[in-house]
């Protein structure tokens, strides 16, 4: 079936089919292009689907259509988080270590940043932690400096897992620092 043969109301199932198989958030532009509608129409269709899944036209669903990391994707409904976690995490005990979380925070707030700079900020070697974060898809290479040192940045997968649209949505660090440390942090970072 070609999308240009669809009546306006028939674009909803086509949009659902695309969203069902999306492995990462899809931009409104790519969704509009895929089903052959304008930007305004795709916004209306996405809003209609999102409202429908939340129960506006019938029973609420166990999933939601949410905008994350600059695009749209289907997610399990938050009220079923515990049930879904039990199924998804069954047999998995691998969580990020404290070192990995700290390294990820440095990368998120300082990106793009080299391993050397991360090590200087944390005060320890971060080579194995960076490899772990790369393997999990939370960070990616972001080119290299003139010296040849590789720089790293967070991925859209990281944004998606954190529930953010961009790194600008990260909370500011200053309120969590002891008095007077804000200027020292700015100089260090």
N, C-alpha and C. Protein backbone atom coordinates (compact mmCIF):
# COMPACT_ATOMS: atom_id res chain seq x y z
N UNK A 1 0.85 -1.18 0.00
CA UNK A 1 0.00 0.00 0.00
C UNK A 1 0.89 1.24 0.00
N UNK A 2 0.59 2.17 -0.85
CA UNK A 2 1.34 3.42 -0.92
C UNK A 2 0.65 4.45 -0.03
N UNK A 3 1.46 5.25 0.69
CA UNK A 3 0.88 6.20 1.62
C UNK A 3 0.17 7.34 0.90
N UNK A 4 0.55 7.65 -0.34
CA UNK A 4 -0.15 8.73 -1.05
C UNK A 4 -1.53 8.30 -1.52
N UNK A 5 -1.84 7.01 -1.41
CA UNK A 5 -3.18 6.51 -1.75
C UNK A 5 -4.12 6.53 -0.54
N UNK A 6 -3.61 6.90 0.62
CA UNK A 6 -4.41 6.85 1.84
C UNK A 6 -5.30 8.07 2.00
N UNK A 7 -6.48 7.85 2.54
CA UNK A 7 -7.36 8.95 2.94
C UNK A 7 -6.77 9.53 4.22
N UNK A 8 -7.05 10.82 4.53
CA UNK A 8 -6.45 11.43 5.73
C UNK A 8 -6.61 10.60 7.00
N UNK A 9 -7.76 10.02 7.24
CA UNK A 9 -8.00 9.24 8.45
C UNK A 9 -7.18 7.94 8.46
N UNK A 10 -6.83 7.43 7.29
CA UNK A 10 -6.07 6.19 7.20
C UNK A 10 -4.58 6.38 7.49
N UNK A 11 -4.16 7.63 7.67
CA UNK A 11 -2.76 7.87 8.02
C UNK A 11 -2.45 7.43 9.45
N UNK A 12 -3.45 7.39 10.32
CA UNK A 12 -3.22 6.97 11.71
C UNK A 12 -2.67 5.54 11.80
N UNK A 13 -3.29 4.56 11.14
CA UNK A 13 -2.71 3.21 11.23
C UNK A 13 -1.31 3.13 10.62
N UNK A 14 -1.06 3.88 9.55
CA UNK A 14 0.27 3.88 8.95
C UNK A 14 1.29 4.46 9.93
N UNK A 15 0.90 5.53 10.60
CA UNK A 15 1.78 6.15 11.60
C UNK A 15 2.03 5.18 12.76
N UNK A 16 0.98 4.52 13.23
CA UNK A 16 1.14 3.53 14.30
C UNK A 16 2.09 2.41 13.89
N UNK A 17 1.97 1.94 12.67
CA UNK A 17 2.83 0.86 12.20
C UNK A 17 4.30 1.27 12.22
N UNK A 18 4.57 2.50 11.82
CA UNK A 18 5.95 3.00 11.84
C UNK A 18 6.45 3.13 13.27
N UNK A 19 5.63 3.73 14.14
CA UNK A 19 6.03 3.92 15.53
C UNK A 19 6.24 2.60 16.25
N UNK A 20 5.50 1.59 15.87
CA UNK A 20 5.60 0.28 16.51
C UNK A 20 6.98 -0.35 16.30
N UNK A 21 7.61 -0.07 15.18
CA UNK A 21 8.90 -0.70 14.90
C UNK A 21 10.09 0.24 15.11
N UNK A 22 9.82 1.48 15.50
CA UNK A 22 10.90 2.46 15.69
C UNK A 22 11.79 2.04 16.86
N UNK A 23 13.08 1.93 16.60
CA UNK A 23 14.02 1.55 17.65
C UNK A 23 14.52 2.75 18.42
N UNK A 24 14.31 3.93 17.87
CA UNK A 24 14.69 5.16 18.53
C UNK A 24 13.68 6.23 18.19
N UNK A 25 13.64 7.33 18.95
CA UNK A 25 12.66 8.38 18.65
C UNK A 25 12.81 8.89 17.22
N UNK A 26 11.67 9.12 16.57
CA UNK A 26 11.66 9.60 15.18
C UNK A 26 11.16 11.04 15.14
N UNK A 27 11.82 11.87 14.38
CA UNK A 27 11.44 13.27 14.28
C UNK A 27 10.11 13.40 13.54
N UNK A 28 9.43 14.51 13.79
CA UNK A 28 8.17 14.76 13.10
C UNK A 28 8.40 14.85 11.59
N UNK A 29 9.53 15.41 11.19
CA UNK A 29 9.83 15.54 9.76
C UNK A 29 9.96 14.18 9.10
N UNK A 30 10.66 13.25 9.76
CA UNK A 30 10.82 11.93 9.15
C UNK A 30 9.50 11.16 9.13
N UNK A 31 8.69 11.32 10.17
CA UNK A 31 7.38 10.66 10.19
C UNK A 31 6.47 11.24 9.11
N UNK A 32 6.48 12.57 8.97
CA UNK A 32 5.65 13.22 7.94
C UNK A 32 6.07 12.74 6.55
N UNK A 33 7.37 12.67 6.32
CA UNK A 33 7.86 12.21 5.02
C UNK A 33 7.51 10.76 4.74
N UNK A 34 7.56 9.94 5.79
CA UNK A 34 7.28 8.51 5.62
C UNK A 34 5.83 8.25 5.22
N UNK A 35 4.90 9.02 5.76
CA UNK A 35 3.50 8.76 5.42
C UNK A 35 2.92 9.81 4.47
N UNK A 36 3.74 10.78 4.06
CA UNK A 36 3.32 11.72 3.04
C UNK A 36 2.32 12.77 3.49
N UNK A 37 2.56 13.36 4.67
CA UNK A 37 1.70 14.43 5.15
C UNK A 37 2.55 15.65 5.50
N UNK A 38 1.89 16.77 5.72
CA UNK A 38 2.60 18.00 6.07
C UNK A 38 3.02 17.98 7.54
N UNK A 39 3.87 18.94 7.91
CA UNK A 39 4.30 19.06 9.29
C UNK A 39 3.14 19.33 10.24
N UNK A 40 2.20 20.17 9.82
CA UNK A 40 1.03 20.46 10.66
C UNK A 40 0.16 19.22 10.82
N UNK A 41 0.00 18.46 9.74
CA UNK A 41 -0.82 17.25 9.81
C UNK A 41 -0.19 16.20 10.73
N UNK A 42 1.14 16.05 10.65
CA UNK A 42 1.78 15.03 11.49
C UNK A 42 1.66 15.42 12.95
N UNK A 43 1.75 16.71 13.26
CA UNK A 43 1.57 17.17 14.64
C UNK A 43 0.18 16.82 15.15
N UNK A 44 -0.83 17.03 14.32
CA UNK A 44 -2.20 16.69 14.70
C UNK A 44 -2.38 15.19 14.89
N UNK A 45 -1.81 14.40 13.97
CA UNK A 45 -1.92 12.94 14.07
C UNK A 45 -1.23 12.42 15.33
N UNK A 46 -0.05 12.95 15.63
CA UNK A 46 0.68 12.52 16.83
C UNK A 46 -0.10 12.89 18.10
N UNK A 47 -0.66 14.09 18.12
CA UNK A 47 -1.45 14.52 19.29
C UNK A 47 -2.69 13.63 19.45
N UNK A 48 -3.32 13.27 18.33
CA UNK A 48 -4.50 12.41 18.38
C UNK A 48 -4.13 11.02 18.92
N UNK A 49 -3.04 10.47 18.42
CA UNK A 49 -2.62 9.15 18.91
C UNK A 49 -2.25 9.20 20.39
N UNK A 50 -1.50 10.22 20.78
CA UNK A 50 -1.08 10.34 22.18
C UNK A 50 -2.29 10.41 23.10
N UNK A 51 -3.29 11.21 22.71
CA UNK A 51 -4.50 11.34 23.53
C UNK A 51 -5.27 10.01 23.57
N UNK A 52 -5.34 9.34 22.43
CA UNK A 52 -6.03 8.06 22.37
C UNK A 52 -5.38 7.04 23.30
N UNK A 53 -4.06 6.96 23.30
CA UNK A 53 -3.35 5.99 24.12
C UNK A 53 -3.51 6.30 25.61
N UNK A 54 -3.75 7.55 25.95
CA UNK A 54 -3.94 7.92 27.36
C UNK A 54 -5.39 7.73 27.80
N UNK A 55 -6.27 7.31 26.88
CA UNK A 55 -7.64 7.00 27.23
C UNK A 55 -8.67 8.04 26.85
N UNK A 56 -8.31 9.04 26.07
CA UNK A 56 -9.25 10.11 25.71
C UNK A 56 -10.43 9.60 24.88
N UNK A 57 -10.23 8.54 24.11
CA UNK A 57 -11.31 8.04 23.24
C UNK A 57 -11.79 6.65 23.65
N UNK A 58 -11.38 6.19 24.78
CA UNK A 58 -11.77 4.84 25.22
C UNK A 58 -10.95 4.45 26.42
N UNK A 59 -10.61 3.19 26.49
CA UNK A 59 -9.82 2.74 27.63
C UNK A 59 -8.36 3.16 27.47
N UNK A 60 -7.70 3.50 28.58
CA UNK A 60 -6.27 3.81 28.51
C UNK A 60 -5.48 2.57 28.11
N UNK A 61 -4.39 2.79 27.46
CA UNK A 61 -3.53 1.70 27.01
C UNK A 61 -2.36 1.52 27.96
N UNK A 62 -1.66 0.45 27.80
CA UNK A 62 -0.47 0.17 28.61
C UNK A 62 0.78 0.82 28.05
N UNK A 63 0.61 1.69 27.06
CA UNK A 63 1.75 2.38 26.47
C UNK A 63 1.35 3.83 26.19
N UNK A 64 2.37 4.66 25.98
CA UNK A 64 2.18 6.08 25.68
C UNK A 64 3.02 6.46 24.48
N UNK A 65 2.56 7.46 23.77
CA UNK A 65 3.34 8.05 22.69
C UNK A 65 3.93 9.33 23.25
N UNK A 66 5.26 9.36 23.37
CA UNK A 66 5.93 10.49 24.00
C UNK A 66 7.01 11.07 23.11
N UNK A 67 7.23 12.36 23.28
CA UNK A 67 8.31 13.06 22.60
C UNK A 67 9.53 13.03 23.51
N UNK A 68 10.60 12.39 23.05
CA UNK A 68 11.85 12.28 23.79
C UNK A 68 13.01 12.35 22.81
N UNK A 69 14.10 12.93 23.25
CA UNK A 69 15.35 12.97 22.47
C UNK A 69 15.12 13.51 21.06
N UNK A 70 14.24 14.50 20.93
CA UNK A 70 14.01 15.14 19.64
C UNK A 70 13.11 14.37 18.70
N UNK A 71 12.40 13.39 19.19
CA UNK A 71 11.52 12.61 18.32
C UNK A 71 10.41 11.94 19.11
N UNK A 72 9.63 11.13 18.41
CA UNK A 72 8.47 10.45 19.00
C UNK A 72 8.68 8.95 18.99
N UNK A 73 8.21 8.31 20.07
CA UNK A 73 8.34 6.86 20.17
C UNK A 73 7.31 6.34 21.17
N UNK A 74 6.96 5.07 21.04
CA UNK A 74 6.06 4.42 21.98
C UNK A 74 6.86 3.93 23.19
N UNK A 75 6.30 4.17 24.38
CA UNK A 75 6.91 3.74 25.64
C UNK A 75 5.85 3.08 26.49
N UNK A 76 6.28 2.21 27.38
CA UNK A 76 5.30 1.62 28.31
C UNK A 76 4.80 2.72 29.24
N UNK A 77 3.54 2.60 29.66
CA UNK A 77 2.93 3.60 30.54
C UNK A 77 3.63 3.58 31.89
N UNK A 78 3.88 4.76 32.48
CA UNK A 78 4.62 4.81 33.74
C UNK A 78 3.98 4.03 34.88
N UNK A 79 2.65 3.94 34.88
CA UNK A 79 2.00 3.22 35.97
C UNK A 79 2.28 1.72 35.93
N UNK A 80 2.82 1.22 34.83
CA UNK A 80 3.15 -0.20 34.72
C UNK A 80 4.66 -0.45 34.77
N UNK A 81 5.39 0.56 35.20
CA UNK A 81 6.86 0.48 35.24
C UNK A 81 7.34 -0.74 36.02
N UNK A 82 6.79 -0.96 37.19
CA UNK A 82 7.25 -2.07 38.03
C UNK A 82 7.02 -3.42 37.34
N UNK A 83 5.86 -3.61 36.75
CA UNK A 83 5.55 -4.87 36.07
C UNK A 83 6.48 -5.07 34.87
N UNK A 84 6.63 -4.03 34.06
CA UNK A 84 7.48 -4.11 32.88
C UNK A 84 8.93 -4.36 33.29
N UNK A 85 9.40 -3.67 34.34
CA UNK A 85 10.77 -3.87 34.81
C UNK A 85 11.02 -5.31 35.21
N UNK A 86 10.06 -5.92 35.88
CA UNK A 86 10.23 -7.31 36.29
C UNK A 86 10.41 -8.23 35.09
N UNK A 87 9.66 -7.99 34.05
CA UNK A 87 9.75 -8.82 32.85
C UNK A 87 11.04 -8.55 32.10
N UNK A 88 11.34 -7.28 31.88
CA UNK A 88 12.51 -6.91 31.09
C UNK A 88 13.80 -7.25 31.81
N UNK A 89 13.82 -7.04 33.11
CA UNK A 89 15.05 -7.25 33.86
C UNK A 89 15.18 -8.66 34.44
N UNK A 90 14.23 -9.52 34.16
CA UNK A 90 14.30 -10.89 34.66
C UNK A 90 15.62 -11.52 34.25
N UNK A 91 16.40 -11.91 35.22
CA UNK A 91 17.69 -12.53 34.94
C UNK A 91 18.81 -11.54 34.72
N UNK A 92 18.50 -10.25 34.66
CA UNK A 92 19.54 -9.24 34.48
C UNK A 92 19.83 -8.59 35.83
N UNK A 93 21.08 -8.56 36.19
CA UNK A 93 21.45 -7.89 37.43
C UNK A 93 22.49 -6.82 37.16
N UNK A 94 22.81 -6.59 35.93
CA UNK A 94 23.87 -5.67 35.57
C UNK A 94 23.39 -4.22 35.56
N UNK A 95 23.77 -3.49 36.57
CA UNK A 95 23.48 -2.05 36.63
C UNK A 95 24.80 -1.31 36.45
N UNK A 96 24.70 -0.03 36.16
CA UNK A 96 25.91 0.77 36.05
C UNK A 96 26.53 0.94 37.43
N UNK A 97 27.83 0.83 37.49
CA UNK A 97 28.55 1.04 38.74
C UNK A 97 28.58 2.53 39.08
N UNK A 98 28.96 2.84 40.29
CA UNK A 98 29.11 4.23 40.71
C UNK A 98 30.13 4.94 39.81
N UNK A 99 31.23 4.26 39.48
CA UNK A 99 32.25 4.85 38.61
C UNK A 99 31.68 5.15 37.23
N UNK A 100 30.85 4.25 36.70
CA UNK A 100 30.26 4.46 35.39
C UNK A 100 29.27 5.63 35.43
N UNK A 101 28.48 5.73 36.49
CA UNK A 101 27.54 6.84 36.63
C UNK A 101 28.27 8.17 36.74
N UNK A 102 29.35 8.20 37.49
CA UNK A 102 30.13 9.44 37.63
C UNK A 102 30.75 9.84 36.29
N UNK A 103 31.30 8.87 35.59
CA UNK A 103 31.90 9.14 34.28
C UNK A 103 30.85 9.61 33.29
N UNK A 104 29.70 8.98 33.31
CA UNK A 104 28.60 9.37 32.43
C UNK A 104 28.17 10.81 32.73
N UNK A 105 28.12 11.18 34.00
CA UNK A 105 27.76 12.55 34.37
C UNK A 105 28.78 13.55 33.83
N UNK A 106 30.06 13.24 33.95
CA UNK A 106 31.11 14.13 33.43
C UNK A 106 30.94 14.31 31.92
N UNK A 107 30.71 13.22 31.22
CA UNK A 107 30.54 13.30 29.77
C UNK A 107 29.29 14.10 29.42
N UNK A 108 28.19 13.85 30.12
CA UNK A 108 26.94 14.55 29.83
C UNK A 108 27.08 16.05 30.00
N UNK A 109 27.77 16.49 31.04
CA UNK A 109 27.88 17.92 31.32
C UNK A 109 29.03 18.60 30.59
N UNK A 110 30.02 17.84 30.15
CA UNK A 110 31.21 18.44 29.52
C UNK A 110 31.36 18.12 28.04
N UNK A 111 30.45 17.41 27.44
CA UNK A 111 30.61 16.92 26.09
C UNK A 111 30.82 18.01 25.05
N UNK A 112 31.56 17.69 24.02
CA UNK A 112 32.40 16.50 23.84
C UNK A 112 33.67 16.64 24.68
N UNK A 113 34.10 15.52 25.25
CA UNK A 113 35.23 15.53 26.18
C UNK A 113 36.09 14.29 25.95
N UNK A 114 37.40 14.45 26.17
CA UNK A 114 38.34 13.33 25.98
C UNK A 114 38.46 12.49 27.24
N UNK A 115 39.00 11.29 27.07
CA UNK A 115 39.24 10.42 28.23
C UNK A 115 40.19 11.09 29.21
N UNK A 116 41.20 11.75 28.66
CA UNK A 116 42.17 12.43 29.53
C UNK A 116 41.52 13.47 30.42
N UNK A 117 40.62 14.24 29.85
CA UNK A 117 39.93 15.28 30.62
C UNK A 117 38.99 14.64 31.66
N UNK A 118 38.31 13.56 31.26
CA UNK A 118 37.44 12.85 32.20
C UNK A 118 38.28 12.32 33.37
N UNK A 119 39.42 11.71 33.05
CA UNK A 119 40.31 11.18 34.09
C UNK A 119 40.79 12.29 35.02
N UNK A 120 41.11 13.46 34.45
CA UNK A 120 41.58 14.58 35.27
C UNK A 120 40.48 15.07 36.21
N UNK A 121 39.25 15.11 35.73
CA UNK A 121 38.13 15.56 36.56
C UNK A 121 37.84 14.54 37.66
N UNK A 122 37.82 13.26 37.30
CA UNK A 122 37.48 12.21 38.27
C UNK A 122 38.66 11.81 39.13
N UNK A 123 39.88 12.02 38.64
CA UNK A 123 41.07 11.65 39.42
C UNK A 123 41.44 10.19 39.34
N UNK A 124 40.86 9.46 38.38
CA UNK A 124 41.16 8.04 38.20
C UNK A 124 41.16 7.72 36.71
N UNK A 125 41.75 6.57 36.36
CA UNK A 125 41.73 6.11 34.97
C UNK A 125 40.31 5.66 34.62
N UNK A 126 39.82 6.10 33.47
CA UNK A 126 38.43 5.80 33.08
C UNK A 126 38.34 4.94 31.82
N UNK A 127 39.43 4.38 31.37
CA UNK A 127 39.43 3.63 30.11
C UNK A 127 38.38 2.51 30.09
N UNK A 128 38.36 1.66 31.10
CA UNK A 128 37.41 0.54 31.08
C UNK A 128 35.97 1.02 31.24
N UNK A 129 35.77 2.08 32.02
CA UNK A 129 34.42 2.61 32.20
C UNK A 129 33.90 3.19 30.89
N UNK A 130 34.75 3.89 30.17
CA UNK A 130 34.35 4.46 28.87
C UNK A 130 33.99 3.34 27.91
N UNK A 131 34.77 2.25 27.90
CA UNK A 131 34.44 1.11 27.04
C UNK A 131 33.07 0.53 27.40
N UNK A 132 32.78 0.44 28.69
CA UNK A 132 31.47 -0.06 29.14
C UNK A 132 30.34 0.85 28.65
N UNK A 133 30.51 2.15 28.81
CA UNK A 133 29.47 3.10 28.38
C UNK A 133 29.28 3.08 26.86
N UNK A 134 30.38 2.89 26.13
CA UNK A 134 30.28 2.75 24.66
C UNK A 134 29.51 1.47 24.31
N UNK A 135 29.84 0.38 24.98
CA UNK A 135 29.18 -0.90 24.70
C UNK A 135 27.69 -0.85 25.00
N UNK A 136 27.30 -0.09 25.99
CA UNK A 136 25.89 0.02 26.34
C UNK A 136 25.14 1.05 25.50
N UNK A 137 25.86 1.75 24.64
CA UNK A 137 25.21 2.72 23.75
C UNK A 137 24.84 4.02 24.41
N UNK A 138 25.40 4.31 25.58
CA UNK A 138 25.08 5.55 26.28
C UNK A 138 25.94 6.72 25.82
N UNK A 139 27.14 6.41 25.30
CA UNK A 139 28.02 7.44 24.75
C UNK A 139 28.51 6.98 23.38
N UNK A 140 29.05 7.93 22.64
CA UNK A 140 29.61 7.62 21.32
C UNK A 140 30.81 8.51 21.06
N UNK A 141 31.61 8.14 20.09
CA UNK A 141 32.75 8.95 19.70
C UNK A 141 32.23 10.20 19.00
N UNK A 142 32.91 11.32 19.26
CA UNK A 142 32.49 12.60 18.68
C UNK A 142 33.66 13.29 18.01
N UNK A 143 34.44 12.54 17.25
CA UNK A 143 35.58 13.10 16.56
C UNK A 143 36.79 13.16 17.47
N UNK A 144 37.87 13.68 16.94
CA UNK A 144 39.10 13.74 17.73
C UNK A 144 39.66 15.15 17.74
N UNK A 145 40.49 15.40 18.72
CA UNK A 145 41.19 16.68 18.82
C UNK A 145 42.41 16.64 17.92
N UNK A 146 43.06 17.79 17.75
CA UNK A 146 44.26 17.85 16.92
C UNK A 146 45.34 16.90 17.42
N UNK A 147 45.36 16.65 18.73
CA UNK A 147 46.36 15.75 19.31
C UNK A 147 46.06 14.29 18.98
N UNK A 148 44.88 14.01 18.46
CA UNK A 148 44.48 12.64 18.16
C UNK A 148 43.61 12.02 19.24
N UNK A 149 43.45 12.72 20.36
CA UNK A 149 42.63 12.19 21.46
C UNK A 149 41.16 12.17 21.03
N UNK A 150 40.52 11.04 21.24
CA UNK A 150 39.11 10.88 20.89
C UNK A 150 38.24 11.62 21.90
N UNK A 151 37.21 12.29 21.37
CA UNK A 151 36.24 12.96 22.23
C UNK A 151 34.97 12.11 22.28
N UNK A 152 34.23 12.23 23.40
CA UNK A 152 33.01 11.44 23.60
C UNK A 152 31.85 12.35 23.94
N UNK A 153 30.67 11.90 23.54
CA UNK A 153 29.43 12.62 23.86
C UNK A 153 28.34 11.59 24.14
N UNK A 154 27.25 12.05 24.75
CA UNK A 154 26.13 11.16 25.02
C UNK A 154 25.35 10.90 23.73
N UNK A 155 24.57 9.85 23.73
CA UNK A 155 23.79 9.44 22.57
C UNK A 155 22.31 9.78 22.75
N UNK A 156 21.55 9.62 21.70
CA UNK A 156 20.10 9.80 21.83
C UNK A 156 19.51 8.71 22.73
N UNK A 157 20.15 7.54 22.78
CA UNK A 157 19.72 6.48 23.69
C UNK A 157 19.83 6.96 25.14
N UNK A 158 20.92 7.67 25.47
CA UNK A 158 21.08 8.25 26.80
C UNK A 158 19.95 9.23 27.08
N UNK A 159 19.67 10.13 26.14
CA UNK A 159 18.59 11.10 26.32
C UNK A 159 17.25 10.40 26.54
N UNK A 160 17.03 9.39 25.74
CA UNK A 160 15.79 8.63 25.84
C UNK A 160 15.65 7.98 27.21
N UNK A 161 16.70 7.34 27.69
CA UNK A 161 16.66 6.67 28.99
C UNK A 161 16.51 7.68 30.14
N UNK A 162 17.03 8.87 29.96
CA UNK A 162 16.93 9.90 30.99
C UNK A 162 15.62 10.69 30.89
N UNK A 163 14.86 10.48 29.80
CA UNK A 163 13.60 11.20 29.62
C UNK A 163 13.81 12.65 29.23
N UNK A 164 14.89 12.92 28.49
CA UNK A 164 15.24 14.29 28.10
C UNK A 164 15.09 14.47 26.60
N UNK A 165 14.86 15.70 26.18
CA UNK A 165 14.85 16.00 24.75
C UNK A 165 16.23 16.42 24.26
N UNK A 166 17.02 17.05 25.12
CA UNK A 166 18.38 17.45 24.77
C UNK A 166 19.20 17.57 26.04
N UNK A 167 20.51 17.71 25.89
CA UNK A 167 21.38 17.83 27.06
C UNK A 167 21.13 19.16 27.78
N UNK A 168 20.54 20.12 27.10
CA UNK A 168 20.19 21.39 27.75
C UNK A 168 19.15 21.18 28.85
N UNK A 169 18.44 20.05 28.81
CA UNK A 169 17.43 19.75 29.81
C UNK A 169 18.01 19.12 31.09
N UNK A 170 19.33 18.87 31.09
CA UNK A 170 19.96 18.35 32.30
C UNK A 170 19.82 19.38 33.42
N UNK A 171 19.63 18.95 34.65
CA UNK A 171 19.50 19.92 35.74
C UNK A 171 20.82 20.65 35.97
N UNK A 172 20.76 21.91 36.39
CA UNK A 172 22.00 22.65 36.65
C UNK A 172 22.71 22.06 37.87
N UNK A 173 24.03 22.11 37.85
CA UNK A 173 24.81 21.56 38.95
C UNK A 173 24.96 22.52 40.12
N UNK A 174 24.95 23.82 39.87
CA UNK A 174 25.25 24.83 40.88
C UNK A 174 24.43 24.67 42.17
N UNK A 175 23.13 24.39 42.11
CA UNK A 175 22.38 24.29 43.37
C UNK A 175 22.83 23.15 44.28
N UNK A 176 23.58 22.20 43.76
CA UNK A 176 23.99 21.04 44.55
C UNK A 176 25.41 21.17 45.11
N UNK A 177 26.05 22.29 44.85
CA UNK A 177 27.41 22.50 45.32
C UNK A 177 27.42 23.28 46.62
N UNK A 178 28.42 23.03 47.48
CA UNK A 178 28.54 23.83 48.70
C UNK A 178 28.76 25.30 48.33
N UNK A 179 28.38 26.22 49.21
CA UNK A 179 28.54 27.65 48.95
C UNK A 179 29.96 27.97 48.53
N UNK A 180 30.09 28.82 47.53
CA UNK A 180 31.38 29.28 47.06
C UNK A 180 32.06 28.36 46.06
N UNK A 181 31.56 27.16 45.86
CA UNK A 181 32.20 26.23 44.95
C UNK A 181 31.78 26.41 43.50
N UNK A 182 30.77 27.22 43.23
CA UNK A 182 30.28 27.39 41.86
C UNK A 182 31.35 27.96 40.96
N UNK A 183 32.06 28.99 41.41
CA UNK A 183 33.09 29.60 40.59
C UNK A 183 34.27 28.65 40.39
N UNK A 184 34.62 27.90 41.44
CA UNK A 184 35.72 26.92 41.31
C UNK A 184 35.35 25.86 40.30
N UNK A 185 34.09 25.43 40.30
CA UNK A 185 33.64 24.42 39.34
C UNK A 185 33.73 24.95 37.92
N UNK A 186 33.29 26.20 37.71
CA UNK A 186 33.34 26.79 36.37
C UNK A 186 34.77 26.84 35.85
N UNK A 187 35.71 27.19 36.75
CA UNK A 187 37.12 27.26 36.34
C UNK A 187 37.67 25.87 36.03
N UNK A 188 37.30 24.87 36.84
CA UNK A 188 37.81 23.51 36.65
C UNK A 188 37.25 22.90 35.38
N UNK A 189 35.95 23.14 35.13
CA UNK A 189 35.31 22.51 33.98
C UNK A 189 35.46 23.37 32.76
